[in-house]
């Protein structure tokens, strides 16, 4: 009786795994067991870091806005409170970009916020 190995499906599974491991160093790219472990770990880190990236960027934006607001003599928390009071729709990403690339317009926003707080 002929031994059935299901070689086509087996090769396809291995090929898919090795494709995901492209660029890995050492035995992790061409030994099935090590490749499997490495790919699973990489996918888990990938999922986790997609969430962390959002937190890190928000933190960066807040730091930039805070530094720029302090230059104009207002704290970050008062600045954000003034934005809410002035019903300004600019989000932190845009404000941080303005603080870095266009300080004059950021100064205008700070003036608007100070007027709303007074």
PDB file of N, CA and C in Angstrom:
ATOM      1  N   UNK A   1       0.835  -1.190   0.000  1.00  0.00           N
ATOM      2  CA  UNK A   1       0.000   0.000   0.000  1.00  0.00           C
ATOM      3  C   UNK A   1       0.882   1.256   0.000  1.00  0.00           C
ATOM      4  N   UNK A   2       0.466   2.255  -0.747  1.00  0.00           N
ATOM      5  CA  UNK A   2       1.236   3.480  -0.902  1.00  0.00           C
ATOM      6  C   UNK A   2       1.046   4.371   0.326  1.00  0.00           C
ATOM      7  N   UNK A   3       2.157   4.975   0.771  1.00  0.00           N
ATOM      8  CA  UNK A   3       2.105   5.883   1.925  1.00  0.00           C
ATOM      9  C   UNK A   3       1.643   7.263   1.449  1.00  0.00           C
ATOM     10  N   UNK A   4       0.604   7.797   2.063  1.00  0.00           N
ATOM     11  CA  UNK A   4       0.059   9.098   1.684  1.00  0.00           C
ATOM     12  C   UNK A   4       0.637  10.151   2.621  1.00  0.00           C
ATOM     13  N   UNK A   5       1.254  11.198   2.043  1.00  0.00           N
ATOM     14  CA  UNK A   5       1.905  12.216   2.870  1.00  0.00           C
ATOM     15  C   UNK A   5       1.218  13.570   2.807  1.00  0.00           C
ATOM     16  N   UNK A   6       0.322  13.759   1.848  1.00  0.00           N
ATOM     17  CA  UNK A   6      -0.333  15.060   1.646  1.00  0.00           C
ATOM     18  C   UNK A   6       0.726  16.137   1.452  1.00  0.00           C
ATOM     19  N   UNK A   7       1.685  15.854   0.588  1.00  0.00           N
ATOM     20  CA  UNK A   7       2.859  16.704   0.426  1.00  0.00           C
ATOM     21  C   UNK A   7       2.516  18.102  -0.065  1.00  0.00           C
ATOM     22  N   UNK A   8       1.545  18.224  -0.952  1.00  0.00           N
ATOM     23  CA  UNK A   8       1.225  19.535  -1.525  1.00  0.00           C
ATOM     24  C   UNK A   8       0.769  20.503  -0.432  1.00  0.00           C
ATOM     25  N   UNK A   9      -0.156  20.065   0.399  1.00  0.00           N
ATOM     26  CA  UNK A   9      -0.665  20.926   1.473  1.00  0.00           C
ATOM     27  C   UNK A   9       0.421  21.207   2.505  1.00  0.00           C
ATOM     28  N   UNK A  10       1.237  20.194   2.786  1.00  0.00           N
ATOM     29  CA  UNK A  10       2.323  20.357   3.757  1.00  0.00           C
ATOM     30  C   UNK A  10       3.330  21.381   3.265  1.00  0.00           C
ATOM     31  N   UNK A  11       3.722  21.286   1.996  1.00  0.00           N
ATOM     32  CA  UNK A  11       4.677  22.248   1.438  1.00  0.00           C
ATOM     33  C   UNK A  11       4.083  23.648   1.433  1.00  0.00           C
ATOM     34  N   UNK A  12       2.788  23.746   1.139  1.00  0.00           N
ATOM     35  CA  UNK A  12       2.141  25.058   1.102  1.00  0.00           C
ATOM     36  C   UNK A  12       2.149  25.705   2.482  1.00  0.00           C
ATOM     37  N   UNK A  13       1.861  24.913   3.518  1.00  0.00           N
ATOM     38  CA  UNK A  13       1.888  25.444   4.892  1.00  0.00           C
ATOM     39  C   UNK A  13       3.286  25.923   5.262  1.00  0.00           C
ATOM     40  N   UNK A  14       4.296  25.106   4.948  1.00  0.00           N
ATOM     41  CA  UNK A  14       5.679  25.475   5.271  1.00  0.00           C
ATOM     42  C   UNK A  14       6.113  26.712   4.495  1.00  0.00           C
ATOM     43  N   UNK A  15       5.715  26.772   3.220  1.00  0.00           N
ATOM     44  CA  UNK A  15       6.078  27.911   2.380  1.00  0.00           C
ATOM     45  C   UNK A  15       5.481  29.205   2.931  1.00  0.00           C
ATOM     46  N   UNK A  16       4.234  29.129   3.378  1.00  0.00           N
ATOM     47  CA  UNK A  16       3.566  30.299   3.947  1.00  0.00           C
ATOM     48  C   UNK A  16       4.291  30.781   5.203  1.00  0.00           C
ATOM     49  N   UNK A  17       4.710  29.855   6.044  1.00  0.00           N
ATOM     50  CA  UNK A  17       5.424  30.187   7.280  1.00  0.00           C
ATOM     51  C   UNK A  17       6.790  30.786   6.969  1.00  0.00           C
ATOM     52  N   UNK A  18       7.511  30.188   6.028  1.00  0.00           N
ATOM     53  CA  UNK A  18       8.836  30.702   5.673  1.00  0.00           C
ATOM     54  C   UNK A  18       8.737  32.077   5.019  1.00  0.00           C
ATOM     55  N   UNK A  19       7.666  32.325   4.306  1.00  0.00           N
ATOM     56  CA  UNK A  19       7.473  33.646   3.700  1.00  0.00           C
ATOM     57  C   UNK A  19       7.300  34.708   4.781  1.00  0.00           C
ATOM     58  N   UNK A  20       6.580  34.372   5.849  1.00  0.00           N
ATOM     59  CA  UNK A  20       6.410  35.314   6.969  1.00  0.00           C
ATOM     60  C   UNK A  20       7.725  35.555   7.700  1.00  0.00           C
ATOM     61  N   UNK A  21       8.643  34.582   7.632  1.00  0.00           N
ATOM     62  CA  UNK A  21       9.918  34.686   8.346  1.00  0.00           C
ATOM     63  C   UNK A  21      11.009  35.305   7.486  1.00  0.00           C
ATOM     64  N   UNK A  22      10.639  35.893   6.353  1.00  0.00           N
ATOM     65  CA  UNK A  22      11.642  36.500   5.472  1.00  0.00           C
ATOM     66  C   UNK A  22      12.350  37.624   6.225  1.00  0.00           C
ATOM     67  N   UNK A  23      13.672  37.605   6.183  1.00  0.00           N
ATOM     68  CA  UNK A  23      14.449  38.629   6.860  1.00  0.00           C
ATOM     69  C   UNK A  23      14.898  38.229   8.252  1.00  0.00           C
ATOM     70  N   UNK A  24      14.409  37.122   8.784  1.00  0.00           N
ATOM     71  CA  UNK A  24      14.853  36.660  10.089  1.00  0.00           C
ATOM     72  C   UNK A  24      16.291  36.147   9.974  1.00  0.00           C
ATOM     73  N   UNK A  25      17.015  36.177  11.086  1.00  0.00           N
ATOM     74  CA  UNK A  25      18.439  35.848  11.087  1.00  0.00           C
ATOM     75  C   UNK A  25      18.658  34.433  11.614  1.00  0.00           C
ATOM     76  N   UNK A  26      19.629  33.735  11.040  1.00  0.00           N
ATOM     77  CA  UNK A  26      20.038  32.431  11.553  1.00  0.00           C
ATOM     78  C   UNK A  26      19.042  31.333  11.243  1.00  0.00           C
ATOM     79  N   UNK A  27      18.951  30.373  12.165  1.00  0.00           N
ATOM     80  CA  UNK A  27      18.082  29.218  11.962  1.00  0.00           C
ATOM     81  C   UNK A  27      16.607  29.584  12.015  1.00  0.00           C
ATOM     82  N   UNK A  28      16.300  30.794  12.469  1.00  0.00           N
ATOM     83  CA  UNK A  28      14.895  31.186  12.609  1.00  0.00           C
ATOM     84  C   UNK A  28      14.221  31.361  11.261  1.00  0.00           C
ATOM     85  N   UNK A  29      15.004  31.432  10.191  1.00  0.00           N
ATOM     86  CA  UNK A  29      14.395  31.639   8.884  1.00  0.00           C
ATOM     87  C   UNK A  29      14.194  30.344   8.093  1.00  0.00           C
ATOM     88  N   UNK A  30      14.880  29.231   8.502  1.00  0.00           N
ATOM     89  CA  UNK A  30      14.782  28.054   7.645  1.00  0.00           C
ATOM     90  C   UNK A  30      14.598  26.735   8.390  1.00  0.00           C
ATOM     91  N   UNK A  31      14.438  26.756   9.713  1.00  0.00           N
ATOM     92  CA  UNK A  31      14.105  25.548  10.457  1.00  0.00           C
ATOM     93  C   UNK A  31      12.673  25.694  10.957  1.00  0.00           C
ATOM     94  N   UNK A  32      11.864  24.711  10.631  1.00  0.00           N
ATOM     95  CA  UNK A  32      10.420  24.861  10.789  1.00  0.00           C
ATOM     96  C   UNK A  32      10.001  25.209  12.210  1.00  0.00           C
ATOM     97  N   UNK A  33      10.514  24.470  13.207  1.00  0.00           N
ATOM     98  CA  UNK A  33      10.069  24.694  14.580  1.00  0.00           C
ATOM     99  C   UNK A  33      10.487  26.087  15.069  1.00  0.00           C
ATOM    100  N   UNK A  34      11.748  26.454  14.809  1.00  0.00           N
ATOM    101  CA  UNK A  34      12.227  27.776  15.230  1.00  0.00           C
ATOM    102  C   UNK A  34      11.512  28.884  14.464  1.00  0.00           C
ATOM    103  N   UNK A  35      11.254  28.648  13.184  1.00  0.00           N
ATOM    104  CA  UNK A  35      10.535  29.630  12.375  1.00  0.00           C
ATOM    105  C   UNK A  35       9.130  29.838  12.909  1.00  0.00           C
ATOM    106  N   UNK A  36       8.470  28.765  13.248  1.00  0.00           N
ATOM    107  CA  UNK A  36       7.101  28.846  13.760  1.00  0.00           C
ATOM    108  C   UNK A  36       7.049  29.678  15.036  1.00  0.00           C
ATOM    109  N   UNK A  37       7.961  29.394  15.964  1.00  0.00           N
ATOM    110  CA  UNK A  37       7.997  30.149  17.220  1.00  0.00           C
ATOM    111  C   UNK A  37       8.293  31.624  16.965  1.00  0.00           C
ATOM    112  N   UNK A  38       9.269  31.880  16.104  1.00  0.00           N
ATOM    113  CA  UNK A  38       9.677  33.261  15.840  1.00  0.00           C
ATOM    114  C   UNK A  38       8.557  34.054  15.178  1.00  0.00           C
ATOM    115  N   UNK A  39       7.853  33.427  14.228  1.00  0.00           N
ATOM    116  CA  UNK A  39       6.773  34.116  13.531  1.00  0.00           C
ATOM    117  C   UNK A  39       5.615  34.404  14.488  1.00  0.00           C
ATOM    118  N   UNK A  40       5.284  33.450  15.336  1.00  0.00           N
ATOM    119  CA  UNK A  40       4.188  33.666  16.294  1.00  0.00           C
ATOM    120  C   UNK A  40       4.521  34.813  17.241  1.00  0.00           C
ATOM    121  N   UNK A  41       5.764  34.846  17.714  1.00  0.00           N
ATOM    122  CA  UNK A  41       6.175  35.931  18.613  1.00  0.00           C
ATOM    123  C   UNK A  41       6.147  37.273  17.876  1.00  0.00           C
ATOM    124  N   UNK A  42       6.640  37.271  16.643  1.00  0.00           N
ATOM    125  CA  UNK A  42       6.672  38.514  15.867  1.00  0.00           C
ATOM    126  C   UNK A  42       5.264  39.043  15.618  1.00  0.00           C
ATOM    127  N   UNK A  43       4.333  38.158  15.314  1.00  0.00           N
ATOM    128  CA  UNK A  43       2.954  38.590  15.086  1.00  0.00           C
ATOM    129  C   UNK A  43       2.322  39.128  16.366  1.00  0.00           C
ATOM    130  N   UNK A  44       2.654  38.526  17.500  1.00  0.00           N
ATOM    131  CA  UNK A  44       2.118  39.004  18.774  1.00  0.00           C
ATOM    132  C   UNK A  44       2.663  40.392  19.094  1.00  0.00           C
ATOM    133  N   UNK A  45       3.963  40.593  18.903  1.00  0.00           N
ATOM    134  CA  UNK A  45       4.555  41.913  19.142  1.00  0.00           C
ATOM    135  C   UNK A  45       3.986  42.949  18.172  1.00  0.00           C
ATOM    136  N   UNK A  46       3.783  42.523  16.937  1.00  0.00           N
ATOM    137  CA  UNK A  46       3.227  43.411  15.926  1.00  0.00           C
ATOM    138  C   UNK A  46       1.852  43.926  16.366  1.00  0.00           C
ATOM    139  N   UNK A  47       1.010  43.044  16.848  1.00  0.00           N
ATOM    140  CA  UNK A  47      -0.331  43.428  17.311  1.00  0.00           C
ATOM    141  C   UNK A  47      -0.226  44.383  18.496  1.00  0.00           C
ATOM    142  N   UNK A  48       0.633  44.040  19.451  1.00  0.00           N
ATOM    143  CA  UNK A  48       0.766  44.840  20.669  1.00  0.00           C
ATOM    144  C   UNK A  48       1.313  46.233  20.361  1.00  0.00           C
ATOM    145  N   UNK A  49       2.299  46.292  19.482  1.00  0.00           N
ATOM    146  CA  UNK A  49       2.947  47.575  19.205  1.00  0.00           C
ATOM    147  C   UNK A  49       2.098  48.490  18.340  1.00  0.00           C
ATOM    148  N   UNK A  50       1.160  47.930  17.593  1.00  0.00           N
ATOM    149  CA  UNK A  50       0.234  48.808  16.865  1.00  0.00           C
ATOM    150  C   UNK A  50      -0.600  49.621  17.846  1.00  0.00           C
ATOM    151  N   UNK A  51      -0.926  49.032  18.979  1.00  0.00           N
ATOM    152  CA  UNK A  51      -1.681  49.768  20.010  1.00  0.00           C
ATOM    153  C   UNK A  51      -0.774  50.775  20.721  1.00  0.00           C
ATOM    154  N   UNK A  52       0.461  50.362  21.017  1.00  0.00           N
ATOM    155  CA  UNK A  52       1.389  51.233  21.745  1.00  0.00           C
ATOM    156  C   UNK A  52       1.768  52.458  20.933  1.00  0.00           C
ATOM    157  N   UNK A  53       1.851  52.296  19.615  1.00  0.00           N
ATOM    158  CA  UNK A  53       2.267  53.403  18.758  1.00  0.00           C
ATOM    159  C   UNK A  53       1.316  54.593  18.903  1.00  0.00           C
ATOM    160  N   UNK A  54       0.039  54.314  19.029  1.00  0.00           N
ATOM    161  CA  UNK A  54      -0.948  55.376  19.182  1.00  0.00           C
ATOM    162  C   UNK A  54      -0.722  56.141  20.481  1.00  0.00           C
ATOM    163  N   UNK A  55      -0.427  55.398  21.565  1.00  0.00           N
ATOM    164  CA  UNK A  55      -0.151  56.044  22.856  1.00  0.00           C
ATOM    165  C   UNK A  55       1.099  56.906  22.779  1.00  0.00           C
ATOM    166  N   UNK A  56       2.144  56.373  22.150  1.00  0.00           N
ATOM    167  CA  UNK A  56       3.421  57.082  22.097  1.00  0.00           C
ATOM    168  C   UNK A  56       3.311  58.367  21.279  1.00  0.00           C
ATOM    169  N   UNK A  57       2.558  58.322  20.179  1.00  0.00           N
ATOM    170  CA  UNK A  57       2.409  59.535  19.381  1.00  0.00           C
ATOM    171  C   UNK A  57       1.606  60.594  20.134  1.00  0.00           C
ATOM    172  N   UNK A  58       0.549  60.185  20.830  1.00  0.00           N
ATOM    173  CA  UNK A  58      -0.225  61.156  21.604  1.00  0.00           C
ATOM    174  C   UNK A  58       0.659  61.803  22.666  1.00  0.00           C
ATOM    175  N   UNK A  59       1.495  61.017  23.323  1.00  0.00           N
ATOM    176  CA  UNK A  59       2.418  61.534  24.333  1.00  0.00           C
ATOM    177  C   UNK A  59       3.398  62.535  23.719  1.00  0.00           C
ATOM    178  N   UNK A  60       3.905  62.219  22.527  1.00  0.00           N
ATOM    179  CA  UNK A  60       4.822  63.120  21.838  1.00  0.00           C
ATOM    180  C   UNK A  60       4.142  64.439  21.499  1.00  0.00           C
ATOM    181  N   UNK A  61       2.894  64.359  20.996  1.00  0.00           N
ATOM    182  CA  UNK A  61       2.164  65.581  20.662  1.00  0.00           C
ATOM    183  C   UNK A  61       1.959  66.450  21.896  1.00  0.00           C
ATOM    184  N   UNK A  62       1.618  65.820  23.010  1.00  0.00           N
ATOM    185  CA  UNK A  62       1.386  66.571  24.246  1.00  0.00           C
ATOM    186  C   UNK A  62       2.665  67.258  24.698  1.00  0.00           C
ATOM    187  N   UNK A  63       3.807  66.569  24.609  1.00  0.00           N
ATOM    188  CA  UNK A  63       5.084  67.175  24.997  1.00  0.00           C
ATOM    189  C   UNK A  63       5.401  68.393  24.137  1.00  0.00           C
ATOM    190  N   UNK A  64       5.168  68.282  22.837  1.00  0.00           N
ATOM    191  CA  UNK A  64       5.464  69.393  21.929  1.00  0.00           C
ATOM    192  C   UNK A  64       4.549  70.584  22.193  1.00  0.00           C
ATOM    193  N   UNK A  65       3.276  70.317  22.399  1.00  0.00           N
ATOM    194  CA  UNK A  65       2.330  71.402  22.680  1.00  0.00           C
ATOM    195  C   UNK A  65       2.679  72.064  24.000  1.00  0.00           C
ATOM    196  N   UNK A  66       3.010  71.271  24.990  1.00  0.00           N
ATOM    197  CA  UNK A  66       3.354  71.800  26.314  1.00  0.00           C
ATOM    198  C   UNK A  66       4.567  72.719  26.231  1.00  0.00           C
ATOM    199  N   UNK A  67       5.605  72.277  25.527  1.00  0.00           N
ATOM    200  CA  UNK A  67       6.814  73.092  25.404  1.00  0.00           C
ATOM    201  C   UNK A  67       6.520  74.404  24.684  1.00  0.00           C
ATOM    202  N   UNK A  68       5.740  74.344  23.612  1.00  0.00           N
ATOM    203  CA  UNK A  68       5.422  75.552  22.856  1.00  0.00           C
ATOM    204  C   UNK A  68       4.519  76.484  23.664  1.00  0.00           C
ATOM    205  N   UNK A  69       3.590  75.918  24.433  1.00  0.00           N
ATOM    206  CA  UNK A  69       2.686  76.747  25.241  1.00  0.00           C
ATOM    207  C   UNK A  69       3.460  77.455  26.353  1.00  0.00           C
ATOM    208  N   UNK A  70       4.433  76.749  26.943  1.00  0.00           N
ATOM    209  CA  UNK A  70       5.229  77.355  28.017  1.00  0.00           C
ATOM    210  C   UNK A  70       6.041  78.535  27.496  1.00  0.00           C
ATOM    211  N   UNK A  71       6.481  78.466  26.243  1.00  0.00           N
ATOM    212  CA  UNK A  71       7.209  79.590  25.640  1.00  0.00           C
ATOM    213  C   UNK A  71       6.320  80.839  25.609  1.00  0.00           C
ATOM    214  N   UNK A  72       5.016  80.621  25.421  1.00  0.00           N
ATOM    215  CA  UNK A  72       4.069  81.737  25.357  1.00  0.00           C
ATOM    216  C   UNK A  72       3.447  82.050  26.717  1.00  0.00           C
ATOM    217  N   UNK A  73       3.961  81.427  27.780  1.00  0.00           N
ATOM    218  CA  UNK A  73       3.552  81.775  29.136  1.00  0.00           C
ATOM    219  C   UNK A  73       2.237  81.175  29.601  1.00  0.00           C
ATOM    220  N   UNK A  74       1.907  79.989  29.130  1.00  0.00           N
ATOM    221  CA  UNK A  74       0.680  79.316  29.570  1.00  0.00           C
ATOM    222  C   UNK A  74       0.978  77.833  29.727  1.00  0.00           C
ATOM    223  N   UNK A  75       0.395  77.213  30.735  1.00  0.00           N
ATOM    224  CA  UNK A  75       0.640  75.783  30.947  1.00  0.00           C
ATOM    225  C   UNK A  75      -0.202  74.958  29.976  1.00  0.00           C
ATOM    226  N   UNK A  76       0.182  73.698  29.811  1.00  0.00           N
ATOM    227  CA  UNK A  76      -0.530  72.816  28.882  1.00  0.00           C
ATOM    228  C   UNK A  76      -1.990  72.651  29.294  1.00  0.00           C
ATOM    229  N   UNK A  77      -2.222  72.408  30.579  1.00  0.00           N
ATOM    230  CA  UNK A  77      -3.599  72.146  31.019  1.00  0.00           C
ATOM    231  C   UNK A  77      -4.485  73.369  30.821  1.00  0.00           C
ATOM    232  N   UNK A  78      -3.963  74.560  31.111  1.00  0.00           N
ATOM    233  CA  UNK A  78      -4.744  75.783  30.899  1.00  0.00           C
ATOM    234  C   UNK A  78      -4.969  76.027  29.402  1.00  0.00           C
ATOM    235  N   UNK A  79      -3.968  75.680  28.604  1.00  0.00           N
ATOM    236  CA  UNK A  79      -4.090  75.834  27.156  1.00  0.00           C
ATOM    237  C   UNK A  79      -5.221  74.953  26.616  1.00  0.00           C
ATOM    238  N   UNK A  80      -5.240  73.699  27.020  1.00  0.00           N
ATOM    239  CA  UNK A  80      -6.281  72.778  26.549  1.00  0.00           C
ATOM    240  C   UNK A  80      -7.658  73.214  27.064  1.00  0.00           C
ATOM    241  N   UNK A  81      -7.707  73.661  28.324  1.00  0.00           N
ATOM    242  CA  UNK A  81      -8.973  74.155  28.887  1.00  0.00           C
ATOM    243  C   UNK A  81      -9.462  75.366  28.089  1.00  0.00           C
ATOM    244  N   UNK A  82      -8.545  76.261  27.753  1.00  0.00           N
ATOM    245  CA  UNK A  82      -8.909  77.431  26.958  1.00  0.00           C
ATOM    246  C   UNK A  82      -9.385  77.060  25.563  1.00  0.00           C
ATOM    247  N   UNK A  83      -8.780  76.024  24.969  1.00  0.00           N
ATOM    248  CA  UNK A  83      -9.239  75.560  23.656  1.00  0.00           C
ATOM    249  C   UNK A  83     -10.675  75.072  23.724  1.00  0.00           C
ATOM    250  N   UNK A  84     -10.982  74.329  24.781  1.00  0.00           N
ATOM    251  CA  UNK A  84     -12.351  73.814  24.936  1.00  0.00           C
ATOM    252  C   UNK A  84     -13.329  74.966  25.131  1.00  0.00           C
ATOM    253  N   UNK A  85     -12.908  75.964  25.939  1.00  0.00           N
ATOM    254  CA  UNK A  85     -13.760  77.126  26.201  1.00  0.00           C
ATOM    255  C   UNK A  85     -13.986  77.949  24.942  1.00  0.00           C
ATOM    256  N   UNK A  86     -12.942  78.059  24.122  1.00  0.00           N
ATOM    257  CA  UNK A  86     -13.033  78.839  22.886  1.00  0.00           C
ATOM    258  C   UNK A  86     -13.696  78.045  21.762  1.00  0.00           C
ATOM    259  N   UNK A  87     -14.067  76.789  22.045  1.00  0.00           N
ATOM    260  CA  UNK A  87     -14.689  75.891  21.066  1.00  0.00           C
ATOM    261  C   UNK A  87     -13.829  75.737  19.815  1.00  0.00           C
ATOM    262  N   UNK A  88     -12.555  75.568  20.054  1.00  0.00           N
ATOM    263  CA  UNK A  88     -11.594  75.364  18.967  1.00  0.00           C
ATOM    264  C   UNK A  88     -11.547  73.867  18.650  1.00  0.00           C
ATOM    265  N   UNK A  89     -11.647  73.532  17.382  1.00  0.00           N
ATOM    266  CA  UNK A  89     -11.747  72.126  16.961  1.00  0.00           C
ATOM    267  C   UNK A  89     -10.397  71.507  16.596  1.00  0.00           C
ATOM    268  N   UNK A  90      -9.287  72.192  16.857  1.00  0.00           N
ATOM    269  CA  UNK A  90      -7.975  71.642  16.503  1.00  0.00           C
ATOM    270  C   UNK A  90      -7.604  70.516  17.458  1.00  0.00           C
ATOM    271  N   UNK A  91      -7.149  69.406  16.908  1.00  0.00           N
ATOM    272  CA  UNK A  91      -6.734  68.297  17.770  1.00  0.00           C
ATOM    273  C   UNK A  91      -5.243  68.396  18.081  1.00  0.00           C
ATOM    274  N   UNK A  92      -4.769  67.501  18.939  1.00  0.00           N
ATOM    275  CA  UNK A  92      -3.393  67.572  19.418  1.00  0.00           C
ATOM    276  C   UNK A  92      -2.377  67.351  18.298  1.00  0.00           C
ATOM    277  N   UNK A  93      -2.723  66.504  17.350  1.00  0.00           N
ATOM    278  CA  UNK A  93      -1.808  66.232  16.242  1.00  0.00           C
ATOM    279  C   UNK A  93      -1.553  67.514  15.438  1.00  0.00           C
ATOM    280  N   UNK A  94      -2.609  68.235  15.116  1.00  0.00           N
ATOM    281  CA  UNK A  94      -2.491  69.466  14.341  1.00  0.00           C
ATOM    282  C   UNK A  94      -1.772  70.538  15.153  1.00  0.00           C
ATOM    283  N   UNK A  95      -2.118  70.644  16.439  1.00  0.00           N
ATOM    284  CA  UNK A  95      -1.482  71.651  17.289  1.00  0.00           C
ATOM    285  C   UNK A  95       0.017  71.404  17.414  1.00  0.00           C
ATOM    286  N   UNK A  96       0.407  70.148  17.578  1.00  0.00           N
ATOM    287  CA  UNK A  96       1.835  69.821  17.690  1.00  0.00           C
ATOM    288  C   UNK A  96       2.563  70.152  16.396  1.00  0.00           C
ATOM    289  N   UNK A  97       1.935  69.875  15.269  1.00  0.00           N
ATOM    290  CA  UNK A  97       2.537  70.194  13.983  1.00  0.00           C
ATOM    291  C   UNK A  97       2.685  71.708  13.819  1.00  0.00           C
ATOM    292  N   UNK A  98       1.669  72.453  14.231  1.00  0.00           N
ATOM    293  CA  UNK A  98       1.746  73.918  14.175  1.00  0.00           C
ATOM    294  C   UNK A  98       2.859  74.435  15.076  1.00  0.00           C
ATOM    295  N   UNK A  99       2.989  73.866  16.259  1.00  0.00           N
ATOM    296  CA  UNK A  99       4.007  74.324  17.208  1.00  0.00           C
ATOM    297  C   UNK A  99       5.408  74.147  16.646  1.00  0.00           C
ATOM    298  N   UNK A 100       5.620  73.082  15.878  1.00  0.00           N
ATOM    299  CA  UNK A 100       6.946  72.804  15.338  1.00  0.00           C
ATOM    300  C   UNK A 100       7.186  73.564  14.022  1.00  0.00           C
ATOM    301  N   UNK A 101       6.225  73.502  13.103  1.00  0.00           N
ATOM    302  CA  UNK A 101       6.448  74.024  11.751  1.00  0.00           C
ATOM    303  C   UNK A 101       6.030  75.482  11.555  1.00  0.00           C
ATOM    304  N   UNK A 102       5.025  75.932  12.320  1.00  0.00           N
ATOM    305  CA  UNK A 102       4.491  77.284  12.097  1.00  0.00           C
ATOM    306  C   UNK A 102       4.242  77.974  13.437  1.00  0.00           C
ATOM    307  N   UNK A 103       5.307  78.436  14.093  1.00  0.00           N
ATOM    308  CA  UNK A 103       5.150  79.040  15.423  1.00  0.00           C
ATOM    309  C   UNK A 103       4.270  80.287  15.442  1.00  0.00           C
ATOM    310  N   UNK A 104       4.219  81.022  14.328  1.00  0.00           N
ATOM    311  CA  UNK A 104       3.399  82.238  14.288  1.00  0.00           C
ATOM    312  C   UNK A 104       1.909  81.925  14.413  1.00  0.00           C
ATOM    313  N   UNK A 105       1.453  80.919  13.700  1.00  0.00           N
ATOM    314  CA  UNK A 105       0.043  80.544  13.797  1.00  0.00           C
ATOM    315  C   UNK A 105      -0.258  79.926  15.160  1.00  0.00           C
ATOM    316  N   UNK A 106       0.712  79.214  15.724  1.00  0.00           N
ATOM    317  CA  UNK A 106       0.512  78.672  17.071  1.00  0.00           C
ATOM    318  C   UNK A 106       0.386  79.813  18.079  1.00  0.00           C
ATOM    319  N   UNK A 107       1.182  80.870  17.890  1.00  0.00           N
ATOM    320  CA  UNK A 107       1.086  82.039  18.769  1.00  0.00           C
ATOM    321  C   UNK A 107      -0.289  82.680  18.657  1.00  0.00           C
ATOM    322  N   UNK A 108      -0.847  82.702  17.444  1.00  0.00           N
ATOM    323  CA  UNK A 108      -2.188  83.247  17.246  1.00  0.00           C
ATOM    324  C   UNK A 108      -3.229  82.410  17.991  1.00  0.00           C
ATOM    325  N   UNK A 109      -3.071  81.091  17.949  1.00  0.00           N
ATOM    326  CA  UNK A 109      -3.991  80.203  18.673  1.00  0.00           C
ATOM    327  C   UNK A 109      -3.872  80.455  20.175  1.00  0.00           C
ATOM    328  N   UNK A 110      -2.631  80.616  20.662  1.00  0.00           N
ATOM    329  CA  UNK A 110      -2.425  80.883  22.091  1.00  0.00           C
ATOM    330  C   UNK A 110      -3.090  82.202  22.473  1.00  0.00           C
ATOM    331  N   UNK A 111      -2.982  83.207  21.622  1.00  0.00           N
ATOM    332  CA  UNK A 111      -3.657  84.484  21.887  1.00  0.00           C
ATOM    333  C   UNK A 111      -5.147  84.323  21.956  1.00  0.00           C
ATOM    334  N   UNK A 112      -5.710  83.522  21.062  1.00  0.00           N
ATOM    335  CA  UNK A 112      -7.143  83.231  21.052  1.00  0.00           C
ATOM    336  C   UNK A 112      -7.562  82.524  22.347  1.00  0.00           C
ATOM    337  N   UNK A 113      -6.713  81.597  22.794  1.00  0.00           N
ATOM    338  CA  UNK A 113      -7.002  80.845  24.018  1.00  0.00           C
ATOM    339  C   UNK A 113      -6.945  81.767  25.246  1.00  0.00           C
ATOM    340  N   UNK A 114      -5.937  82.622  25.285  1.00  0.00           N
ATOM    341  CA  UNK A 114      -5.810  83.552  26.415  1.00  0.00           C
ATOM    342  C   UNK A 114      -7.006  84.502  26.478  1.00  0.00           C
ATOM    343  N   UNK A 115      -7.505  84.919  25.317  1.00  0.00           N
ATOM    344  CA  UNK A 115      -8.682  85.793  25.286  1.00  0.00           C
ATOM    345  C   UNK A 115      -9.908  85.036  25.812  1.00  0.00           C
ATOM    346  N   UNK A 116     -10.004  83.741  25.494  1.00  0.00           N
ATOM    347  CA  UNK A 116     -11.149  82.955  25.958  1.00  0.00           C
ATOM    348  C   UNK A 116     -11.091  82.726  27.466  1.00  0.00           C
ATOM    349  N   UNK A 117      -9.877  82.630  28.004  1.00  0.00           N
ATOM    350  CA  UNK A 117      -9.718  82.401  29.458  1.00  0.00           C
ATOM    351  C   UNK A 117      -9.940  83.679  30.259  1.00  0.00           C
ATOM    352  N   UNK A 118      -9.673  84.830  29.656  1.00  0.00           N
ATOM    353  CA  UNK A 118      -9.793  86.098  30.402  1.00  0.00           C
ATOM    354  C   UNK A 118     -11.211  86.538  30.577  1.00  0.00           C
TER     355      UNK A 118
END
